[in-house]
Amino acid sequence: MRLVYSVLPALAAAGALAAVLVVPPLLDAAVPTRETAVAAGTHVTLTATGVGAIHAGPNPDNGVRFAVPAAMQQVATGDQSTTVLRSTSDNQRLAIQVVDGITDFDTAAPRLLLPLRAGGEQVDFDGGVVDAGNFQGLTCVLPDLTGGVCAVAYSGDVAVTVTVAGTTPEAGRNLINAVLQSAQAVQA
């Protein structure tokens, strides 16, 4: 009987210790972190989803690959067609979304802004154009966001929407150009 009274507390203590030492690393492995550090120059690949991402034709590209222009934190989105990055040196936030199956960019461009509008953002084309790397398109503004600028651009039948907010419009345009300069449509 005495052995039972001394073994049970020892087992309870061992179980508590195991819960403290073993369970947190298992949870960390199972649950992704909210933000991940990304070094400047790191390549990120996004894959378009949905009907437009299915190819049977001559252009198999269904994603975009770009280099992160500065040290940033990548925010988990749970969406393989979208990434959100936050600058580690200032208050800039960068979001990139890719879609596939664009056959008429002039018709598609206003539709590429619909997700922003559905999210409650005011967004308007400002009459500017962007031509960086392999991507060409139109620029836009997000007047309700500090330094809010954006662009919708395409290469082949892949299009991206790039938004920046947080500092000045000029700094945002520079960030958009840096992303598009390094971007290329890819088979993801």
C-alpha atoms as a PDB file:
ATOM      1  CA  MET A   1       0.000   0.000   0.000  1.00  0.00           C
ATOM      2  CA  ARG A   2       2.824   2.346   0.818  1.00  0.00           C
ATOM      3  CA  LEU A   3       4.319   1.749  -2.650  1.00  0.00           C
ATOM      4  CA  VAL A   4       1.074   2.907  -4.302  1.00  0.00           C
ATOM      5  CA  TYR A   5       1.143   6.174  -2.381  1.00  0.00           C
ATOM      6  CA  SER A   6       4.719   6.892  -3.433  1.00  0.00           C
ATOM      7  CA  VAL A   7       4.381   5.768  -7.063  1.00  0.00           C
ATOM      8  CA  LEU A   8       1.197   7.694  -7.899  1.00  0.00           C
ATOM      9  CA  PRO A   9       2.646  11.128  -7.026  1.00  0.00           C
ATOM     10  CA  ALA A  10       5.817  10.245  -8.940  1.00  0.00           C
ATOM     11  CA  LEU A  11       3.766   9.268 -12.015  1.00  0.00           C
ATOM     12  CA  ALA A  12       1.683  12.426 -11.701  1.00  0.00           C
ATOM     13  CA  ALA A  13       4.829  14.542 -11.488  1.00  0.00           C
ATOM     14  CA  ALA A  14       6.343  12.742 -14.506  1.00  0.00           C
ATOM     15  CA  GLY A  15       3.107  13.280 -16.457  1.00  0.00           C
ATOM     16  CA  ALA A  16       3.028  16.978 -15.592  1.00  0.00           C
ATOM     17  CA  LEU A  17       6.666  17.347 -16.572  1.00  0.00           C
ATOM     18  CA  ALA A  18       6.013  15.548 -19.876  1.00  0.00           C
ATOM     19  CA  ALA A  19       3.036  17.840 -20.530  1.00  0.00           C
ATOM     20  CA  VAL A  20       5.201  20.902 -19.974  1.00  0.00           C
ATOM     21  CA  LEU A  21       8.193  19.676 -21.992  1.00  0.00           C
ATOM     22  CA  VAL A  22       6.620  17.563 -24.761  1.00  0.00           C
ATOM     23  CA  VAL A  23       3.225  19.099 -25.582  1.00  0.00           C
ATOM     24  CA  PRO A  24       4.344  22.675 -26.478  1.00  0.00           C
ATOM     25  CA  PRO A  25       6.873  21.553 -29.143  1.00  0.00           C
ATOM     26  CA  LEU A  26       4.239  19.222 -30.597  1.00  0.00           C
ATOM     27  CA  LEU A  27       1.742  22.084 -30.737  1.00  0.00           C
ATOM     28  CA  ASP A  28       4.342  24.395 -32.307  1.00  0.00           C
ATOM     29  CA  ALA A  29       5.001  21.768 -34.987  1.00  0.00           C
ATOM     30  CA  ALA A  30       1.281  21.269 -35.655  1.00  0.00           C
ATOM     31  CA  VAL A  31       0.203  24.932 -35.657  1.00  0.00           C
ATOM     32  CA  PRO A  32       2.083  27.231 -38.064  1.00  0.00           C
ATOM     33  CA  THR A  33       3.466  30.486 -36.739  1.00  0.00           C
ATOM     34  CA  ARG A  34       1.554  33.643 -37.558  1.00  0.00           C
ATOM     35  CA  GLU A  35       4.567  35.475 -39.038  1.00  0.00           C
ATOM     36  CA  THR A  36       7.810  34.180 -40.498  1.00  0.00           C
ATOM     37  CA  ALA A  37      10.953  36.209 -41.132  1.00  0.00           C
ATOM     38  CA  VAL A  38      11.885  36.432 -44.832  1.00  0.00           C
ATOM     39  CA  ALA A  39      15.277  37.745 -45.935  1.00  0.00           C
ATOM     40  CA  ALA A  40      15.659  40.196 -48.800  1.00  0.00           C
ATOM     41  CA  GLY A  41      16.081  38.345 -52.088  1.00  0.00           C
ATOM     42  CA  THR A  42      14.173  35.259 -50.936  1.00  0.00           C
ATOM     43  CA  HIS A  43      11.960  33.944 -53.734  1.00  0.00           C
ATOM     44  CA  VAL A  44       8.268  33.374 -53.030  1.00  0.00           C
ATOM     45  CA  THR A  45       6.026  31.405 -55.388  1.00  0.00           C
ATOM     46  CA  LEU A  46       2.257  31.868 -55.408  1.00  0.00           C
ATOM     47  CA  THR A  47      -0.126  29.489 -57.184  1.00  0.00           C
ATOM     48  CA  ALA A  48      -3.421  30.622 -58.683  1.00  0.00           C
ATOM     49  CA  THR A  49      -6.473  28.693 -57.573  1.00  0.00           C
ATOM     50  CA  GLY A  50      -9.879  28.185 -59.113  1.00  0.00           C
ATOM     51  CA  VAL A  51     -11.097  27.449 -62.615  1.00  0.00           C
ATOM     52  CA  GLY A  52      -8.622  29.820 -64.280  1.00  0.00           C
ATOM     53  CA  ALA A  53      -5.710  27.792 -62.879  1.00  0.00           C
ATOM     54  CA  ILE A  54      -6.551  24.716 -64.984  1.00  0.00           C
ATOM     55  CA  HIS A  55      -4.591  24.562 -68.242  1.00  0.00           C
ATOM     56  CA  ALA A  56      -5.030  22.527 -71.353  1.00  0.00           C
ATOM     57  CA  GLY A  57      -3.690  25.129 -73.739  1.00  0.00           C
ATOM     58  CA  PRO A  58      -0.263  26.378 -74.814  1.00  0.00           C
ATOM     59  CA  ASN A  59       0.435  28.484 -71.671  1.00  0.00           C
ATOM     60  CA  PRO A  60       0.988  26.236 -68.643  1.00  0.00           C
ATOM     61  CA  ASP A  61       1.855  29.119 -66.275  1.00  0.00           C
ATOM     62  CA  ASN A  62      -0.447  29.197 -63.277  1.00  0.00           C
ATOM     63  CA  GLY A  63       1.561  31.148 -60.727  1.00  0.00           C
ATOM     64  CA  VAL A  64       4.033  33.893 -60.081  1.00  0.00           C
ATOM     65  CA  ARG A  65       7.491  33.868 -58.516  1.00  0.00           C
ATOM     66  CA  PHE A  66       9.086  37.036 -57.135  1.00  0.00           C
ATOM     67  CA  ALA A  67      11.964  38.111 -54.911  1.00  0.00           C
ATOM     68  CA  VAL A  68      11.166  39.754 -51.585  1.00  0.00           C
ATOM     69  CA  PRO A  69      12.664  43.251 -52.006  1.00  0.00           C
ATOM     70  CA  ALA A  70      13.649  43.872 -48.353  1.00  0.00           C
ATOM     71  CA  ALA A  71      13.730  42.011 -45.046  1.00  0.00           C
ATOM     72  CA  MET A  72      10.092  41.386 -44.129  1.00  0.00           C
ATOM     73  CA  GLN A  73       7.773  39.260 -42.029  1.00  0.00           C
ATOM     74  CA  GLN A  74       5.469  36.973 -44.024  1.00  0.00           C
ATOM     75  CA  VAL A  75       2.015  36.833 -42.483  1.00  0.00           C
ATOM     76  CA  ALA A  76       0.238  33.472 -42.695  1.00  0.00           C
ATOM     77  CA  THR A  77      -2.796  33.699 -45.005  1.00  0.00           C
ATOM     78  CA  GLY A  78      -3.765  30.075 -45.568  1.00  0.00           C
ATOM     79  CA  ASP A  79      -4.188  30.889 -49.265  1.00  0.00           C
ATOM     80  CA  GLN A  80      -1.612  29.675 -51.797  1.00  0.00           C
ATOM     81  CA  SER A  81      -2.556  32.449 -54.231  1.00  0.00           C
ATOM     82  CA  THR A  82      -1.941  35.304 -51.783  1.00  0.00           C
ATOM     83  CA  THR A  83       0.912  36.521 -49.634  1.00  0.00           C
ATOM     84  CA  VAL A  84       1.060  39.358 -47.141  1.00  0.00           C
ATOM     85  CA  LEU A  85       4.410  40.786 -46.074  1.00  0.00           C
ATOM     86  CA  ARG A  86       5.159  43.367 -43.395  1.00  0.00           C
ATOM     87  CA  SER A  87       8.365  45.400 -43.437  1.00  0.00           C
ATOM     88  CA  THR A  88      10.689  44.960 -40.479  1.00  0.00           C
ATOM     89  CA  SER A  89      12.197  48.447 -40.891  1.00  0.00           C
ATOM     90  CA  ASP A  90       9.118  50.642 -41.341  1.00  0.00           C
ATOM     91  CA  ASN A  91       5.353  50.387 -41.381  1.00  0.00           C
ATOM     92  CA  GLN A  92       4.941  49.187 -44.988  1.00  0.00           C
ATOM     93  CA  ARG A  93       2.595  46.286 -45.713  1.00  0.00           C
ATOM     94  CA  LEU A  94       2.733  44.488 -49.057  1.00  0.00           C
ATOM     95  CA  ALA A  95       0.085  42.096 -50.385  1.00  0.00           C
ATOM     96  CA  ILE A  96       0.294  40.126 -53.626  1.00  0.00           C
ATOM     97  CA  GLN A  97      -2.418  37.974 -55.177  1.00  0.00           C
ATOM     98  CA  VAL A  98      -2.169  35.927 -58.384  1.00  0.00           C
ATOM     99  CA  VAL A  99      -4.928  34.835 -60.766  1.00  0.00           C
ATOM    100  CA  ASP A 100      -4.689  32.792 -63.925  1.00  0.00           C
ATOM    101  CA  GLY A 101      -6.620  32.473 -67.162  1.00  0.00           C
ATOM    102  CA  ILE A 102      -6.572  36.171 -68.134  1.00  0.00           C
ATOM    103  CA  THR A 103      -7.421  36.393 -71.838  1.00  0.00           C
ATOM    104  CA  ASP A 104      -8.449  40.080 -72.001  1.00  0.00           C
ATOM    105  CA  PHE A 105      -6.580  42.252 -69.504  1.00  0.00           C
ATOM    106  CA  ASP A 106      -8.598  45.406 -70.264  1.00  0.00           C
ATOM    107  CA  THR A 107     -11.762  43.587 -69.189  1.00  0.00           C
ATOM    108  CA  ALA A 108     -10.094  41.751 -66.302  1.00  0.00           C
ATOM    109  CA  ALA A 109      -8.309  44.756 -64.739  1.00  0.00           C
ATOM    110  CA  PRO A 110     -11.372  46.280 -63.012  1.00  0.00           C
ATOM    111  CA  ARG A 111     -12.396  42.814 -61.820  1.00  0.00           C
ATOM    112  CA  LEU A 112      -9.002  42.301 -60.204  1.00  0.00           C
ATOM    113  CA  LEU A 113      -9.883  45.151 -57.828  1.00  0.00           C
ATOM    114  CA  LEU A 114     -13.161  43.532 -56.716  1.00  0.00           C
ATOM    115  CA  PRO A 115     -11.626  41.556 -53.815  1.00  0.00           C
ATOM    116  CA  LEU A 116     -10.271  44.811 -52.368  1.00  0.00           C
ATOM    117  CA  ARG A 117     -13.656  46.475 -52.700  1.00  0.00           C
ATOM    118  CA  ALA A 118     -15.380  43.445 -51.198  1.00  0.00           C
ATOM    119  CA  GLY A 119     -13.014  43.826 -48.240  1.00  0.00           C
ATOM    120  CA  GLY A 120     -14.314  47.366 -47.717  1.00  0.00           C
ATOM    121  CA  GLU A 121     -11.391  49.230 -49.316  1.00  0.00           C
ATOM    122  CA  GLN A 122     -11.938  52.191 -51.595  1.00  0.00           C
ATOM    123  CA  VAL A 123      -9.706  51.628 -54.631  1.00  0.00           C
ATOM    124  CA  ASP A 124      -9.534  53.575 -57.882  1.00  0.00           C
ATOM    125  CA  PHE A 125      -7.373  53.497 -60.991  1.00  0.00           C
ATOM    126  CA  ASP A 126      -5.265  56.664 -61.111  1.00  0.00           C
ATOM    127  CA  GLY A 127      -4.472  56.706 -64.852  1.00  0.00           C
ATOM    128  CA  GLY A 128      -0.898  55.472 -64.429  1.00  0.00           C
ATOM    129  CA  VAL A 129       0.753  52.488 -66.023  1.00  0.00           C
ATOM    130  CA  VAL A 130       3.368  50.057 -64.779  1.00  0.00           C
ATOM    131  CA  ASP A 131       5.870  48.276 -66.999  1.00  0.00           C
ATOM    132  CA  ALA A 132       8.399  46.372 -64.917  1.00  0.00           C
ATOM    133  CA  GLY A 133      10.182  43.169 -65.845  1.00  0.00           C
ATOM    134  CA  ASN A 134       7.780  40.859 -67.656  1.00  0.00           C
ATOM    135  CA  PHE A 135       4.668  42.544 -66.236  1.00  0.00           C
ATOM    136  CA  GLN A 136       2.627  45.420 -67.658  1.00  0.00           C
ATOM    137  CA  GLY A 137      -0.486  46.944 -66.186  1.00  0.00           C
ATOM    138  CA  LEU A 138      -2.268  49.789 -64.481  1.00  0.00           C
ATOM    139  CA  THR A 139      -1.683  51.628 -61.215  1.00  0.00           C
ATOM    140  CA  CYS A 140      -4.292  52.445 -58.622  1.00  0.00           C
ATOM    141  CA  VAL A 141      -4.680  54.156 -55.264  1.00  0.00           C
ATOM    142  CA  LEU A 142      -6.188  53.205 -51.928  1.00  0.00           C
ATOM    143  CA  PRO A 143      -7.077  56.700 -50.649  1.00  0.00           C
ATOM    144  CA  ASP A 144      -8.286  55.563 -47.219  1.00  0.00           C
ATOM    145  CA  LEU A 145      -4.932  53.940 -46.360  1.00  0.00           C
ATOM    146  CA  THR A 146      -1.790  55.859 -45.450  1.00  0.00           C
ATOM    147  CA  GLY A 147       0.458  55.683 -48.513  1.00  0.00           C
ATOM    148  CA  GLY A 148      -1.995  53.270 -50.141  1.00  0.00           C
ATOM    149  CA  VAL A 149      -1.061  52.430 -53.724  1.00  0.00           C
ATOM    150  CA  CYS A 150      -1.577  49.367 -55.897  1.00  0.00           C
ATOM    151  CA  ALA A 151      -1.131  47.896 -59.342  1.00  0.00           C
ATOM    152  CA  VAL A 152      -2.775  45.205 -61.415  1.00  0.00           C
ATOM    153  CA  ALA A 153      -0.410  43.734 -63.976  1.00  0.00           C
ATOM    154  CA  TYR A 154      -0.164  40.742 -66.273  1.00  0.00           C
ATOM    155  CA  SER A 155       2.336  38.523 -68.047  1.00  0.00           C
ATOM    156  CA  GLY A 156       0.842  36.041 -70.490  1.00  0.00           C
ATOM    157  CA  ASP A 157      -2.400  34.854 -68.921  1.00  0.00           C
ATOM    158  CA  VAL A 158      -1.232  35.343 -65.311  1.00  0.00           C
ATOM    159  CA  ALA A 159      -2.180  38.543 -63.489  1.00  0.00           C
ATOM    160  CA  VAL A 160      -1.173  39.916 -60.111  1.00  0.00           C
ATOM    161  CA  THR A 161      -2.677  42.496 -57.820  1.00  0.00           C
ATOM    162  CA  VAL A 162      -0.017  44.204 -55.693  1.00  0.00           C
ATOM    163  CA  THR A 163      -1.024  46.545 -52.864  1.00  0.00           C
ATOM    164  CA  VAL A 164       1.184  48.574 -50.535  1.00  0.00           C
ATOM    165  CA  ALA A 165       0.234  50.717 -47.562  1.00  0.00           C
ATOM    166  CA  GLY A 166       1.971  52.238 -44.606  1.00  0.00           C
ATOM    167  CA  THR A 167       4.407  54.966 -45.625  1.00  0.00           C
ATOM    168  CA  THR A 168       4.342  57.304 -48.627  1.00  0.00           C
ATOM    169  CA  PRO A 169       2.812  56.661 -52.052  1.00  0.00           C
ATOM    170  CA  GLU A 170       6.263  57.105 -53.640  1.00  0.00           C
ATOM    171  CA  ALA A 171       7.806  54.444 -51.365  1.00  0.00           C
ATOM    172  CA  GLY A 172       4.863  52.166 -52.177  1.00  0.00           C
ATOM    173  CA  ARG A 173       5.327  52.615 -55.926  1.00  0.00           C
ATOM    174  CA  ASN A 174       9.020  51.810 -55.556  1.00  0.00           C
ATOM    175  CA  LEU A 175       8.136  48.618 -53.692  1.00  0.00           C
ATOM    176  CA  ILE A 176       5.601  47.616 -56.362  1.00  0.00           C
ATOM    177  CA  ASN A 177       8.186  48.185 -59.103  1.00  0.00           C
ATOM    178  CA  ALA A 178      10.793  46.138 -57.211  1.00  0.00           C
ATOM    179  CA  VAL A 179       8.372  43.222 -56.838  1.00  0.00           C
ATOM    180  CA  LEU A 180       7.240  43.318 -60.480  1.00  0.00           C
ATOM    181  CA  GLN A 181      10.797  43.759 -61.768  1.00  0.00           C
ATOM    182  CA  SER A 182      11.752  40.433 -60.160  1.00  0.00           C
ATOM    183  CA  ALA A 183       8.446  38.665 -60.893  1.00  0.00           C
ATOM    184  CA  GLN A 184       7.885  36.042 -63.530  1.00  0.00           C
ATOM    185  CA  ALA A 185       4.913  33.905 -64.475  1.00  0.00           C
ATOM    186  CA  VAL A 186       5.727  30.251 -63.715  1.00  0.00           C
ATOM    187  CA  GLN A 187       4.264  26.771 -63.659  1.00  0.00           C
ATOM    188  CA  ALA A 188       3.732  26.512 -59.905  1.00  0.00           C
END
